[in-house]
C-alpha atoms as a PDB file:
ATOM      1  CA  MET A   1      -0.523  -0.226   0.351  1.00  0.00           C
ATOM      2  CA  ALA A   2       1.855   3.257  -0.913  1.00  0.00           C
ATOM      3  CA  ILE A   3       0.592   6.837   0.991  1.00  0.00           C
ATOM      4  CA  ARG A   4       0.482   8.755  -0.461  1.00  0.00           C
ATOM      5  CA  LYS A   5       0.839  12.444   0.761  1.00  0.00           C
ATOM      6  CA  ARG A   6      -1.454  15.266   0.145  1.00  0.00           C
ATOM      7  CA  SER A   7       1.312  18.011   0.465  1.00  0.00           C
ATOM      8  CA  LYS A   8       0.189  20.140  -2.654  1.00  0.00           C
ATOM      9  CA  VAL A   9       1.018  23.354  -2.468  1.00  0.00           C
ATOM     10  CA  THR A  10      -1.912  25.285  -3.804  1.00  0.00           C
ATOM     11  CA  THR A  11      -1.318  28.482  -6.823  1.00  0.00           C
ATOM     12  CA  GLU A  12      -4.460  30.959  -5.554  1.00  0.00           C
ATOM     13  CA  PHE A  13      -3.997  34.396  -4.138  1.00  0.00           C
ATOM     14  CA  SER A  14      -6.473  36.517  -2.039  1.00  0.00           C
ATOM     15  CA  LEU A  15      -6.894  39.593  -2.656  1.00  0.00           C
ATOM     16  CA  SER A  16      -9.411  41.360   0.068  1.00  0.00           C
ATOM     17  CA  ALA A  17      -6.356  42.306   1.932  1.00  0.00           C
ATOM     18  CA  MET A  18      -5.123  44.198  -0.605  1.00  0.00           C
ATOM     19  CA  THR A  19      -8.650  46.021  -1.471  1.00  0.00           C
ATOM     20  CA  ASP A  20      -8.419  46.466   3.197  1.00  0.00           C
ATOM     21  CA  ILE A  21      -5.272  48.116   2.120  1.00  0.00           C
ATOM     22  CA  ILE A  22      -5.875  50.073  -1.004  1.00  0.00           C
ATOM     23  CA  PHE A  23      -9.280  51.389   0.916  1.00  0.00           C
ATOM     24  CA  MET A  24      -7.274  52.369   3.683  1.00  0.00           C
ATOM     25  CA  LEU A  25      -4.995  54.704   1.527  1.00  0.00           C
ATOM     26  CA  LEU A  26      -8.346  55.886  -0.668  1.00  0.00           C
ATOM     27  CA  ILE A  27      -9.214  57.169   2.908  1.00  0.00           C
ATOM     28  CA  PHE A  28      -6.486  58.484   4.115  1.00  0.00           C
ATOM     29  CA  PHE A  29      -5.958  60.466   1.160  1.00  0.00           C
ATOM     30  CA  ILE A  30      -9.876  60.798   0.582  1.00  0.00           C
ATOM     31  CA  LEU A  31      -9.181  63.040   4.465  1.00  0.00           C
ATOM     32  CA  THR A  32      -5.959  64.461   4.099  1.00  0.00           C
ATOM     33  CA  SER A  33      -6.365  66.017   1.280  1.00  0.00           C
ATOM     34  CA  THR A  34      -7.054  69.896   0.754  1.00  0.00           C
ATOM     35  CA  VAL A  35     -10.167  71.809  -1.125  1.00  0.00           C
ATOM     36  CA  SER A  36      -9.115  74.461  -3.659  1.00  0.00           C
ATOM     37  CA  THR A  37     -10.314  77.738  -3.542  1.00  0.00           C
ATOM     38  CA  ASP A  38      -8.483  79.951  -6.048  1.00  0.00           C
ATOM     39  CA  PRO A  39     -10.349  80.794  -9.296  1.00  0.00           C
ATOM     40  CA  VAL A  40      -8.695  79.391 -11.898  1.00  0.00           C
ATOM     41  CA  LEU A  41      -8.899  82.295 -13.745  1.00  0.00           C
ATOM     42  CA  LYS A  42      -8.964  85.944 -11.555  1.00  0.00           C
ATOM     43  CA  ILE A  43     -12.388  87.391 -12.856  1.00  0.00           C
ATOM     44  CA  LEU A  44     -13.012  90.986 -11.698  1.00  0.00           C
ATOM     45  CA  LEU A  45     -17.206  90.230 -10.226  1.00  0.00           C
ATOM     46  CA  PRO A  46     -19.690  92.871 -10.909  1.00  0.00           C
ATOM     47  CA  LYS A  47     -20.658  94.357  -6.823  1.00  0.00           C
ATOM     48  CA  GLY A  48     -24.297  94.073  -5.473  1.00  0.00           C
ATOM     49  CA  VAL A  49     -26.337  96.881  -5.531  1.00  0.00           C
ATOM     50  CA  LYS A  50     -29.094  97.302  -2.689  1.00  0.00           C
ATOM     51  CA  ASP A  51     -30.373 100.595  -4.767  1.00  0.00           C
ATOM     52  CA  LYS A  52     -33.452 100.231  -7.312  1.00  0.00           C
ATOM     53  CA  ASP A  53     -33.279 104.081  -7.656  1.00  0.00           C
ATOM     54  CA  VAL A  54     -30.143 103.139  -9.436  1.00  0.00           C
ATOM     55  CA  THR A  55     -30.097 103.677 -13.603  1.00  0.00           C
ATOM     56  CA  ALA A  56     -27.700 101.615 -15.841  1.00  0.00           C
ATOM     57  CA  LYS A  57     -25.326 103.888 -17.547  1.00  0.00           C
ATOM     58  CA  LYS A  58     -24.686 103.787 -20.754  1.00  0.00           C
ATOM     59  CA  PRO A  59     -21.943 102.874 -23.086  1.00  0.00           C
ATOM     60  CA  ILE A  60     -19.510 103.716 -24.987  1.00  0.00           C
ATOM     61  CA  ASN A  61     -19.769 102.193 -28.422  1.00  0.00           C
ATOM     62  CA  LEU A  62     -16.706 101.341 -30.112  1.00  0.00           C
ATOM     63  CA  TYR A  63     -17.294  99.685 -33.543  1.00  0.00           C
ATOM     64  CA  LEU A  64     -15.812  98.195 -36.130  1.00  0.00           C
ATOM     65  CA  ASN A  65     -16.442  95.913 -39.781  1.00  0.00           C
ATOM     66  CA  GLU A  66     -15.345  93.624 -41.398  1.00  0.00           C
ATOM     67  CA  LYS A  67     -13.919  96.511 -43.572  1.00  0.00           C
ATOM     68  CA  GLY A  68     -11.221  98.211 -40.551  1.00  0.00           C
ATOM     69  CA  GLU A  69     -14.080 101.050 -40.109  1.00  0.00           C
ATOM     70  CA  TYR A  70     -14.418 102.360 -36.604  1.00  0.00           C
ATOM     71  CA  ALA A  71     -17.220 104.001 -35.290  1.00  0.00           C
ATOM     72  CA  ILE A  72     -17.884 105.484 -31.747  1.00  0.00           C
ATOM     73  CA  ASN A  73     -21.536 106.201 -30.568  1.00  0.00           C
ATOM     74  CA  THR A  74     -23.257 107.429 -33.645  1.00  0.00           C
ATOM     75  CA  SER A  75     -20.441 108.434 -35.091  1.00  0.00           C
ATOM     76  CA  GLY A  76     -19.589 106.488 -38.336  1.00  0.00           C
ATOM     77  CA  ASN A  77     -15.882 106.481 -40.256  1.00  0.00           C
ATOM     78  CA  ILE A  78     -13.332 107.320 -37.767  1.00  0.00           C
ATOM     79  CA  LEU A  79      -9.360 106.539 -38.331  1.00  0.00           C
ATOM     80  CA  PHE A  80      -7.759 104.859 -36.125  1.00  0.00           C
ATOM     81  CA  SER A  81      -5.554 107.014 -35.461  1.00  0.00           C
ATOM     82  CA  ASP A  82      -7.709 109.339 -34.205  1.00  0.00           C
ATOM     83  CA  LEU A  83      -9.812 106.802 -32.314  1.00  0.00           C
ATOM     84  CA  PRO A  84      -8.097 107.126 -28.823  1.00  0.00           C
ATOM     85  CA  SER A  85      -9.132 111.176 -29.308  1.00  0.00           C
ATOM     86  CA  ALA A  86     -12.404 110.681 -29.808  1.00  0.00           C
ATOM     87  CA  LEU A  87     -12.820 107.904 -27.374  1.00  0.00           C
ATOM     88  CA  GLU A  88     -10.744 110.546 -24.161  1.00  0.00           C
ATOM     89  CA  MET A  89     -14.094 112.722 -25.103  1.00  0.00           C
ATOM     90  CA  GLU A  90     -16.051 110.703 -24.250  1.00  0.00           C
ATOM     91  CA  LEU A  91     -14.747 109.842 -20.830  1.00  0.00           C
ATOM     92  CA  SER A  92     -14.599 112.841 -20.062  1.00  0.00           C
ATOM     93  CA  LYS A  93     -18.387 113.323 -19.931  1.00  0.00           C
ATOM     94  CA  ASP A  94     -18.542 110.122 -17.585  1.00  0.00           C
ATOM     95  CA  PRO A  95     -14.316 108.495 -16.838  1.00  0.00           C
ATOM     96  CA  LEU A  96     -17.067 105.627 -15.163  1.00  0.00           C
ATOM     97  CA  VAL A  97     -19.252 104.723 -18.018  1.00  0.00           C
ATOM     98  CA  PRO A  98     -18.385 101.352 -19.561  1.00  0.00           C
ATOM     99  CA  VAL A  99     -16.007 100.492 -23.432  1.00  0.00           C
ATOM    100  CA  SER A 100     -18.003  98.275 -24.861  1.00  0.00           C
ATOM    101  CA  ILE A 101     -16.576  97.018 -28.331  1.00  0.00           C
ATOM    102  CA  HIS A 102     -18.853  95.857 -31.751  1.00  0.00           C
ATOM    103  CA  ALA A 103     -16.221  94.252 -33.979  1.00  0.00           C
ATOM    104  CA  ASP A 104     -17.224  91.756 -37.070  1.00  0.00           C
ATOM    105  CA  LYS A 105     -16.977  87.955 -36.538  1.00  0.00           C
ATOM    106  CA  ASN A 106     -14.626  88.157 -38.795  1.00  0.00           C
ATOM    107  CA  VAL A 107     -12.639  91.154 -38.024  1.00  0.00           C
ATOM    108  CA  SER A 108      -8.670  89.496 -36.593  1.00  0.00           C
ATOM    109  CA  TYR A 109      -8.026  88.879 -33.218  1.00  0.00           C
ATOM    110  CA  GLU A 110      -5.483  91.573 -33.111  1.00  0.00           C
ATOM    111  CA  LYS A 111      -7.707  94.669 -34.476  1.00  0.00           C
ATOM    112  CA  VAL A 112      -9.366  93.884 -31.458  1.00  0.00           C
ATOM    113  CA  MET A 113      -7.163  94.106 -29.363  1.00  0.00           C
ATOM    114  CA  GLU A 114      -6.199  97.162 -30.591  1.00  0.00           C
ATOM    115  CA  MET A 115      -9.266  98.427 -29.155  1.00  0.00           C
ATOM    116  CA  VAL A 116      -9.561  96.241 -25.691  1.00  0.00           C
ATOM    117  CA  SER A 117      -5.494  97.585 -25.563  1.00  0.00           C
ATOM    118  CA  MET A 118      -6.690 101.786 -26.191  1.00  0.00           C
ATOM    119  CA  ALA A 119      -9.556 101.500 -23.934  1.00  0.00           C
ATOM    120  CA  ASN A 120      -7.273  99.978 -20.886  1.00  0.00           C
ATOM    121  CA  LYS A 121      -5.508 102.844 -21.264  1.00  0.00           C
ATOM    122  CA  LYS A 122      -7.402 105.320 -20.807  1.00  0.00           C
ATOM    123  CA  GLY A 123      -8.387 103.900 -17.885  1.00  0.00           C
ATOM    124  CA  ALA A 124     -11.911 102.033 -19.138  1.00  0.00           C
ATOM    125  CA  LYS A 125     -13.523  99.280 -18.115  1.00  0.00           C
ATOM    126  CA  VAL A 126     -13.820  96.846 -20.732  1.00  0.00           C
ATOM    127  CA  VAL A 127     -16.792  94.733 -22.756  1.00  0.00           C
ATOM    128  CA  LEU A 128     -16.886  92.800 -25.450  1.00  0.00           C
ATOM    129  CA  ALA A 129     -20.075  92.558 -27.410  1.00  0.00           C
ATOM    130  CA  LEU A 130     -21.516  89.340 -28.331  1.00  0.00           C
ATOM    131  CA  GLU A 131     -24.251  87.988 -30.246  1.00  0.00           C
ATOM    132  CA  LYS A 132     -27.380  86.264 -28.779  1.00  0.00           C
ATOM    133  CA  GLU A 133     -27.828  82.958 -29.666  1.00  0.00           C
ATOM    134  CA  PRO A 134     -31.007  81.461 -30.727  1.00  0.00           C
ATOM    135  CA  THR A 135     -33.072  80.017 -27.245  1.00  0.00           C
ATOM    136  CA  THR A 136     -33.955  76.480 -28.057  1.00  0.00           C
ATOM    137  CA  ALA A 137     -37.055  74.971 -26.546  1.00  0.00           C
ATOM    138  CA  PRO A 138     -36.899  72.526 -24.276  1.00  0.00           C
END
């Protein structure tokens, strides 16, 4: 009678210990991590107003069409070299009025940024005007 020993090595691996360790590490990193409150973009947001009798100031409108013609408010066809003095004259009436820049979508970005830079040098708050997107019914 040949008696055999049953000494086979099992090749199974229990993952329960590893999942426990990973779960503990996950909890540790969640509890010790800090939440970043710094904004990604620095944006100057408008302040809220408590008065109901506040009248909105009409902005100074700068226009640039596809042909490269400049205009300010109601006066049209101004040369770019004359635009800073015309803007300064408009800002002298009320320096807190925002400047709204309306440029054709086919105008190069460089031309628009020249207008923004020029208005910034005059100390104006600049807003770029956009076309309203059509609303879709839900």
